[in-house]
């Protein structure tokens, strides 16, 4: 039992000292992929390591152990991430435009499609990917979590933030071009 508590202590000390360095390391490795949020990846790895600390043999090289785990997570994310650079205008986009504009009677779906398409493309890749996966491709949070290893709660939070940002971008885009819808 002594090595179990020692592993947890070693991991806690290491993450406490090196957290910012770990985020920087992740961000340099995944700058051109989806699910780019370095902090999410570091936290996912930390959670898995802490929850399994009692199952590992004594960890002698904590830095190597953590960096190898992060490297493996980055590889997993890069393998499972689909590049989604464009959105075709289809039934799903129309439904999404209607859902976003239920509260405003002035907007029509046909007028919102170009604005919505542009604003979705302007989102941070992790946010764009979750919107596309859930709202256009029909994936459940559970399916995405199983595929990427990202916790369901993190995915739900990302989508919630993405919708909020999307609303603001749409409003700015409409006001910027003085679009009368």
Protein backbone atom coordinates (compact mmCIF):
# COMPACT_ATOMS: atom_id res chain seq x y z
CA UNK A 1 0.00 0.00 0.00
CA UNK A 2 2.99 2.26 0.59
CA UNK A 3 3.96 2.37 -3.12
CA UNK A 4 0.36 3.24 -4.04
CA UNK A 5 0.31 6.35 -1.91
CA UNK A 6 3.84 7.19 -3.04
CA UNK A 7 2.72 7.05 -6.69
CA UNK A 8 -0.15 9.43 -5.99
CA UNK A 9 2.16 11.79 -4.12
CA UNK A 10 4.77 11.71 -6.88
CA UNK A 11 2.13 12.39 -9.55
CA UNK A 12 0.58 15.21 -7.50
CA UNK A 13 3.96 16.86 -6.95
CA UNK A 14 4.91 16.51 -10.62
CA UNK A 15 1.63 17.88 -11.99
CA UNK A 16 1.78 20.73 -9.46
CA UNK A 17 5.26 21.77 -10.63
CA UNK A 18 5.00 20.99 -14.33
CA UNK A 19 1.37 21.70 -15.26
CA UNK A 20 2.11 24.74 -17.43
CA UNK A 21 5.02 22.96 -19.12
CA UNK A 22 2.77 20.01 -19.89
CA UNK A 23 0.15 22.29 -21.45
CA UNK A 24 2.84 23.98 -23.56
CA UNK A 25 4.19 20.59 -24.66
CA UNK A 26 0.71 19.43 -25.72
CA UNK A 27 -0.10 22.67 -27.53
CA UNK A 28 3.10 22.42 -29.59
CA UNK A 29 2.26 18.86 -30.62
CA UNK A 30 -1.37 19.38 -31.61
CA UNK A 31 -1.43 22.85 -33.12
CA UNK A 32 -3.00 21.71 -36.38
CA UNK A 33 -5.50 19.11 -35.20
CA UNK A 34 -8.98 19.19 -33.80
CA UNK A 35 -9.58 18.77 -30.09
CA UNK A 36 -6.72 21.21 -29.61
CA UNK A 37 -7.47 22.24 -26.11
CA UNK A 38 -4.14 21.35 -24.48
CA UNK A 39 -5.51 21.80 -20.99
CA UNK A 40 -8.29 19.27 -21.65
CA UNK A 41 -5.74 16.71 -22.81
CA UNK A 42 -3.47 17.29 -19.82
CA UNK A 43 -6.43 17.02 -17.45
CA UNK A 44 -7.70 13.84 -19.11
CA UNK A 45 -4.26 12.24 -18.75
CA UNK A 46 -3.92 13.43 -15.16
CA UNK A 47 -7.33 12.01 -14.27
CA UNK A 48 -6.45 8.63 -15.77
CA UNK A 49 -3.06 8.55 -14.08
CA UNK A 50 -4.41 9.58 -10.67
CA UNK A 51 -7.31 7.15 -10.85
CA UNK A 52 -4.93 4.31 -11.74
CA UNK A 53 -2.01 5.29 -9.50
CA UNK A 54 -2.82 2.48 -7.08
CA UNK A 55 -2.61 -0.13 -9.85
CA UNK A 56 0.89 0.82 -11.09
CA UNK A 57 4.15 -0.56 -9.87
CA UNK A 58 6.24 2.08 -8.09
CA UNK A 59 6.90 4.96 -10.49
CA UNK A 60 10.61 5.79 -10.52
CA UNK A 61 10.75 8.18 -13.49
CA UNK A 62 7.62 10.29 -13.03
CA UNK A 63 8.46 12.76 -15.81
CA UNK A 64 9.01 10.00 -18.36
CA UNK A 65 5.86 8.21 -17.24
CA UNK A 66 3.69 11.33 -17.54
CA UNK A 67 5.18 12.57 -20.82
CA UNK A 68 4.82 9.10 -22.36
CA UNK A 69 1.18 9.01 -21.25
CA UNK A 70 0.56 12.44 -22.74
CA UNK A 71 2.30 11.46 -25.98
CA UNK A 72 0.06 8.38 -26.22
CA UNK A 73 -3.04 10.51 -25.61
CA UNK A 74 -1.99 12.95 -28.35
CA UNK A 75 -1.52 10.03 -30.75
CA UNK A 76 -4.98 8.71 -29.82
CA UNK A 77 -6.56 12.13 -30.39
CA UNK A 78 -4.82 12.54 -33.73
CA UNK A 79 -5.88 9.06 -34.87
CA UNK A 80 -9.52 9.49 -33.92
CA UNK A 81 -10.02 13.07 -35.06
CA UNK A 82 -11.81 13.59 -38.32
CA UNK A 83 -10.90 16.73 -40.21
CA UNK A 84 -14.04 18.71 -40.87
CA UNK A 85 -13.06 21.81 -42.77
CA UNK A 86 -16.27 22.46 -44.60
CA UNK A 87 -19.95 22.10 -43.98
CA UNK A 88 -22.29 21.36 -46.82
CA UNK A 89 -25.61 23.14 -46.84
CA UNK A 90 -28.11 20.40 -46.27
CA UNK A 91 -31.13 19.51 -44.21
CA UNK A 92 -29.13 19.42 -40.97
CA UNK A 93 -27.81 22.94 -41.52
CA UNK A 94 -31.34 24.20 -42.16
CA UNK A 95 -32.59 22.52 -38.98
CA UNK A 96 -29.70 23.94 -36.99
CA UNK A 97 -30.33 27.44 -38.35
CA UNK A 98 -33.98 27.14 -37.39
CA UNK A 99 -33.11 25.91 -33.91
CA UNK A 100 -30.72 28.82 -33.36
CA UNK A 101 -33.30 31.33 -34.48
CA UNK A 102 -36.43 30.08 -32.75
CA UNK A 103 -36.45 33.14 -30.51
CA UNK A 104 -36.24 35.67 -33.35
CA UNK A 105 -39.10 35.88 -35.78
CA UNK A 106 -37.21 38.20 -38.16
CA UNK A 107 -34.71 35.56 -39.28
CA UNK A 108 -35.39 32.95 -41.93
CA UNK A 109 -33.39 29.80 -42.33
CA UNK A 110 -32.44 30.58 -45.91
CA UNK A 111 -30.98 33.93 -44.91
CA UNK A 112 -29.16 32.48 -41.91
CA UNK A 113 -27.38 29.63 -43.72
CA UNK A 114 -24.45 31.67 -45.09
CA UNK A 115 -24.04 33.52 -41.79
CA UNK A 116 -24.23 30.30 -39.79
CA UNK A 117 -21.80 28.50 -42.08
CA UNK A 118 -19.26 31.31 -41.81
CA UNK A 119 -19.62 31.60 -38.03
CA UNK A 120 -19.21 27.85 -37.51
CA UNK A 121 -16.00 27.94 -39.54
CA UNK A 122 -14.72 30.79 -37.32
CA UNK A 123 -15.08 28.70 -34.15
CA UNK A 124 -12.07 27.23 -32.40
CA UNK A 125 -11.54 23.74 -33.92
CA UNK A 126 -12.52 21.86 -30.74
CA UNK A 127 -15.76 23.84 -30.58
CA UNK A 128 -16.45 23.51 -34.30
CA UNK A 129 -15.84 19.75 -34.14
CA UNK A 130 -18.26 19.17 -31.25
CA UNK A 131 -21.00 21.22 -32.95
CA UNK A 132 -20.52 19.33 -36.20
CA UNK A 133 -20.30 15.91 -34.53
CA UNK A 134 -23.39 16.33 -32.34
CA UNK A 135 -25.62 18.62 -34.38
CA UNK A 136 -24.79 17.60 -37.94
CA UNK A 137 -23.34 14.10 -37.87
CA UNK A 138 -25.67 12.85 -35.12
CA UNK A 139 -23.05 11.41 -32.78
CA UNK A 140 -23.97 11.09 -29.13
CA UNK A 141 -21.70 12.39 -26.39
CA UNK A 142 -21.15 8.79 -25.33
CA UNK A 143 -19.97 7.78 -28.83
CA UNK A 144 -17.63 10.76 -29.09
CA UNK A 145 -16.25 10.08 -25.63
CA UNK A 146 -15.61 6.43 -26.45
CA UNK A 147 -13.87 7.40 -29.69
CA UNK A 148 -11.72 10.25 -28.34
CA UNK A 149 -11.31 9.40 -24.67
CA UNK A 150 -12.57 12.87 -23.73
CA UNK A 151 -15.01 12.75 -20.79
CA UNK A 152 -18.69 13.26 -21.60
CA UNK A 153 -18.88 16.24 -19.23
CA UNK A 154 -16.02 17.95 -21.06
CA UNK A 155 -17.75 17.37 -24.39
CA UNK A 156 -21.02 18.77 -23.06
CA UNK A 157 -19.24 21.82 -21.66
CA UNK A 158 -17.45 22.40 -24.96
CA UNK A 159 -20.70 22.24 -26.89
CA UNK A 160 -22.40 24.60 -24.44
CA UNK A 161 -19.53 27.10 -24.76
CA UNK A 162 -19.51 26.63 -28.53
CA UNK A 163 -23.22 27.45 -28.83
CA UNK A 164 -22.75 30.58 -26.71
CA UNK A 165 -19.81 31.73 -28.81
CA UNK A 166 -21.70 30.88 -31.98
CA UNK A 167 -24.63 33.08 -30.92
CA UNK A 168 -22.24 35.98 -30.32
CA UNK A 169 -20.44 35.47 -33.63
CA UNK A 170 -23.75 35.38 -35.50
CA UNK A 171 -24.89 38.57 -33.80
CA UNK A 172 -21.60 40.31 -34.60
CA UNK A 173 -21.68 39.09 -38.20
CA UNK A 174 -25.24 40.32 -38.69
CA UNK A 175 -24.46 43.70 -37.15
CA UNK A 176 -21.14 43.96 -39.00
CA UNK A 177 -22.78 43.62 -42.39
CA UNK A 178 -25.99 45.28 -41.34
CA UNK A 179 -27.86 42.30 -42.67
CA UNK A 180 -31.57 42.83 -42.54
CA UNK A 181 -33.15 39.48 -42.06
